[in-house]
Amino acid sequence: MSVIENRQFPRLKPPKTVLAAWRSGMQRDVSYVESIGLGGLFLRTKKKVAIRSLVQILLDMPLGQVRGRGVVRRHQDHYGIAVQFIAMDPEDRGRLVRQLRELSPSEA
């Protein structure tokens, strides 16, 4: 059975050094970023976060920090959560775009 991708933006695999500090309600964690794109990211965490929960995110990327807010769209028990970006300052968005361009294989 194949899965239909509904993503507006492609996801890329970042370097293993890319971490995200995040907070949702009273939960806080620092997680590895499994995949990332302009529309959102997947965070590796064993914490369970309810779907539609708001999440504040601070990404530590090679080109600088990126802050944003998102909403949990899906979760996999004991593995991680998929977060869709819903708000980000223009400066942070610019850093994210530059970082993704650097990671993109089509730019090589």
C-alpha atoms as a PDB file:
ATOM      1  CA  MET A   1       0.000   0.000   0.000  1.00  0.00           C
ATOM      2  CA  SER A   2       1.480   3.333  -1.008  1.00  0.00           C
ATOM      3  CA  VAL A   3       1.162   6.543   0.963  1.00  0.00           C
ATOM      4  CA  ILE A   4       0.078   9.680  -0.887  1.00  0.00           C
ATOM      5  CA  GLU A   5       2.191  12.691   0.024  1.00  0.00           C
ATOM      6  CA  ASN A   6       0.077  15.757   0.805  1.00  0.00           C
ATOM      7  CA  ARG A   7       3.033  18.007   1.567  1.00  0.00           C
ATOM      8  CA  GLN A   8       3.221  21.377  -0.078  1.00  0.00           C
ATOM      9  CA  PHE A   9       7.017  21.501   0.387  1.00  0.00           C
ATOM     10  CA  PRO A  10       9.520  18.617   0.138  1.00  0.00           C
ATOM     11  CA  ARG A  11      11.254  17.344   3.262  1.00  0.00           C
ATOM     12  CA  LEU A  12      15.037  17.023   3.539  1.00  0.00           C
ATOM     13  CA  LYS A  13      17.209  15.075   5.940  1.00  0.00           C
ATOM     14  CA  PRO A  14      19.347  17.523   7.948  1.00  0.00           C
ATOM     15  CA  PRO A  15      22.775  16.754   9.426  1.00  0.00           C
ATOM     16  CA  LYS A  16      22.662  14.745  12.664  1.00  0.00           C
ATOM     17  CA  THR A  17      23.881  17.840  14.518  1.00  0.00           C
ATOM     18  CA  VAL A  18      20.600  19.714  13.941  1.00  0.00           C
ATOM     19  CA  LEU A  19      18.642  19.823  17.187  1.00  0.00           C
ATOM     20  CA  ALA A  20      15.349  21.397  18.158  1.00  0.00           C
ATOM     21  CA  ALA A  21      14.393  22.625  21.602  1.00  0.00           C
ATOM     22  CA  TRP A  22      10.615  22.557  21.828  1.00  0.00           C
ATOM     23  CA  ARG A  23       7.798  23.174  24.256  1.00  0.00           C
ATOM     24  CA  SER A  24       4.158  22.161  24.177  1.00  0.00           C
ATOM     25  CA  GLY A  25       2.121  23.029  27.250  1.00  0.00           C
ATOM     26  CA  MET A  26       4.127  21.810  30.248  1.00  0.00           C
ATOM     27  CA  GLN A  27       6.266  19.423  28.179  1.00  0.00           C
ATOM     28  CA  ARG A  28       9.760  20.423  27.107  1.00  0.00           C
ATOM     29  CA  ASP A  29      12.410  18.479  25.268  1.00  0.00           C
ATOM     30  CA  VAL A  30      15.439  18.697  23.009  1.00  0.00           C
ATOM     31  CA  SER A  31      15.120  16.396  20.021  1.00  0.00           C
ATOM     32  CA  TYR A  32      16.937  15.420  16.871  1.00  0.00           C
ATOM     33  CA  VAL A  33      15.315  16.614  13.660  1.00  0.00           C
ATOM     34  CA  GLU A  34      14.524  13.597  11.480  1.00  0.00           C
ATOM     35  CA  SER A  35      13.343  15.636   8.470  1.00  0.00           C
ATOM     36  CA  ILE A  36      12.622  19.279   7.719  1.00  0.00           C
ATOM     37  CA  GLY A  37      11.022  21.437   5.049  1.00  0.00           C
ATOM     38  CA  LEU A  38       9.456  24.867   4.693  1.00  0.00           C
ATOM     39  CA  GLY A  39       6.135  23.443   5.851  1.00  0.00           C
ATOM     40  CA  GLY A  40       7.307  21.650   8.974  1.00  0.00           C
ATOM     41  CA  LEU A  41       9.523  19.009  10.526  1.00  0.00           C
ATOM     42  CA  PHE A  42       9.594  15.627  12.228  1.00  0.00           C
ATOM     43  CA  LEU A  43      11.106  15.491  15.712  1.00  0.00           C
ATOM     44  CA  ARG A  44      12.466  12.328  17.308  1.00  0.00           C
ATOM     45  CA  THR A  45      10.970  12.096  20.804  1.00  0.00           C
ATOM     46  CA  LYS A  46       9.484   9.434  23.035  1.00  0.00           C
ATOM     47  CA  LYS A  47       7.164  12.009  24.606  1.00  0.00           C
ATOM     48  CA  LYS A  48       3.536  11.791  23.584  1.00  0.00           C
ATOM     49  CA  VAL A  49       2.075  15.074  22.359  1.00  0.00           C
ATOM     50  CA  ALA A  50      -1.577  15.266  21.371  1.00  0.00           C
ATOM     51  CA  ILE A  51      -2.509  15.992  17.769  1.00  0.00           C
ATOM     52  CA  ARG A  52      -3.387  19.688  17.227  1.00  0.00           C
ATOM     53  CA  SER A  53      -1.230  20.739  20.200  1.00  0.00           C
ATOM     54  CA  LEU A  54       0.654  24.010  19.756  1.00  0.00           C
ATOM     55  CA  VAL A  55       4.437  23.737  19.819  1.00  0.00           C
ATOM     56  CA  GLN A  56       7.104  26.423  20.201  1.00  0.00           C
ATOM     57  CA  ILE A  57      10.311  25.458  18.388  1.00  0.00           C
ATOM     58  CA  LEU A  58      13.911  26.676  18.495  1.00  0.00           C
ATOM     59  CA  LEU A  59      16.088  25.053  15.824  1.00  0.00           C
ATOM     60  CA  ASP A  60      19.855  25.090  16.184  1.00  0.00           C
ATOM     61  CA  MET A  61      21.066  24.951  12.583  1.00  0.00           C
ATOM     62  CA  PRO A  62      24.503  25.505  11.010  1.00  0.00           C
ATOM     63  CA  LEU A  63      23.441  28.904   9.569  1.00  0.00           C
ATOM     64  CA  GLY A  64      21.924  30.084  12.852  1.00  0.00           C
ATOM     65  CA  GLN A  65      18.940  29.649  15.110  1.00  0.00           C
ATOM     66  CA  VAL A  66      15.407  29.510  13.743  1.00  0.00           C
ATOM     67  CA  ARG A  67      12.370  30.125  15.959  1.00  0.00           C
ATOM     68  CA  GLY A  68       8.824  29.270  15.059  1.00  0.00           C
ATOM     69  CA  ARG A  69       5.471  27.988  16.198  1.00  0.00           C
ATOM     70  CA  GLY A  70       3.745  24.920  14.934  1.00  0.00           C
ATOM     71  CA  VAL A  71       0.955  22.452  15.459  1.00  0.00           C
ATOM     72  CA  VAL A  72       1.293  18.678  15.860  1.00  0.00           C
ATOM     73  CA  ARG A  73      -0.202  16.951  12.818  1.00  0.00           C
ATOM     74  CA  ARG A  74       0.674  13.342  13.660  1.00  0.00           C
ATOM     75  CA  HIS A  75       2.632  11.288  16.151  1.00  0.00           C
ATOM     76  CA  GLN A  76       4.205   7.866  16.253  1.00  0.00           C
ATOM     77  CA  ASP A  77       4.299   6.310  19.701  1.00  0.00           C
ATOM     78  CA  HIS A  78       7.833   6.035  21.116  1.00  0.00           C
ATOM     79  CA  TYR A  79       9.308   7.554  17.943  1.00  0.00           C
ATOM     80  CA  GLY A  80       8.329  11.162  17.291  1.00  0.00           C
ATOM     81  CA  ILE A  81       5.973  13.918  16.222  1.00  0.00           C
ATOM     82  CA  ALA A  82       5.293  15.689  12.926  1.00  0.00           C
ATOM     83  CA  VAL A  83       4.907  19.449  13.359  1.00  0.00           C
ATOM     84  CA  GLN A  84       3.498  21.843  10.757  1.00  0.00           C
ATOM     85  CA  PHE A  85       4.860  25.401  10.939  1.00  0.00           C
ATOM     86  CA  ILE A  86       2.105  27.970  11.466  1.00  0.00           C
ATOM     87  CA  ALA A  87       4.090  31.114  12.386  1.00  0.00           C
ATOM     88  CA  MET A  88       7.650  32.347  11.927  1.00  0.00           C
ATOM     89  CA  ASP A  89       9.270  35.780  11.797  1.00  0.00           C
ATOM     90  CA  PRO A  90      10.564  36.794   8.336  1.00  0.00           C
ATOM     91  CA  GLU A  91      14.206  36.733   9.529  1.00  0.00           C
ATOM     92  CA  ASP A  92      13.821  33.195  10.864  1.00  0.00           C
ATOM     93  CA  ARG A  93      12.037  32.106   7.678  1.00  0.00           C
ATOM     94  CA  GLY A  94      14.914  33.530   5.632  1.00  0.00           C
ATOM     95  CA  ARG A  95      17.492  31.558   7.650  1.00  0.00           C
ATOM     96  CA  LEU A  96      15.423  28.402   7.212  1.00  0.00           C
ATOM     97  CA  VAL A  97      15.156  28.944   3.442  1.00  0.00           C
ATOM     98  CA  ARG A  98      18.932  29.501   3.148  1.00  0.00           C
ATOM     99  CA  GLN A  99      19.642  26.391   5.229  1.00  0.00           C
ATOM    100  CA  LEU A 100      17.302  24.239   3.165  1.00  0.00           C
ATOM    101  CA  ARG A 101      18.890  25.470  -0.066  1.00  0.00           C
ATOM    102  CA  GLU A 102      22.253  24.381   1.306  1.00  0.00           C
ATOM    103  CA  LEU A 103      20.885  20.931   2.173  1.00  0.00           C
ATOM    104  CA  SER A 104      19.026  20.439  -1.116  1.00  0.00           C
ATOM    105  CA  PRO A 105      20.645  17.867  -3.438  1.00  0.00           C
ATOM    106  CA  SER A 106      19.384  19.812  -6.499  1.00  0.00           C
ATOM    107  CA  GLU A 107      21.710  22.690  -5.610  1.00  0.00           C
ATOM    108  CA  ALA A 108      24.810  20.501  -5.986  1.00  0.00           C
END
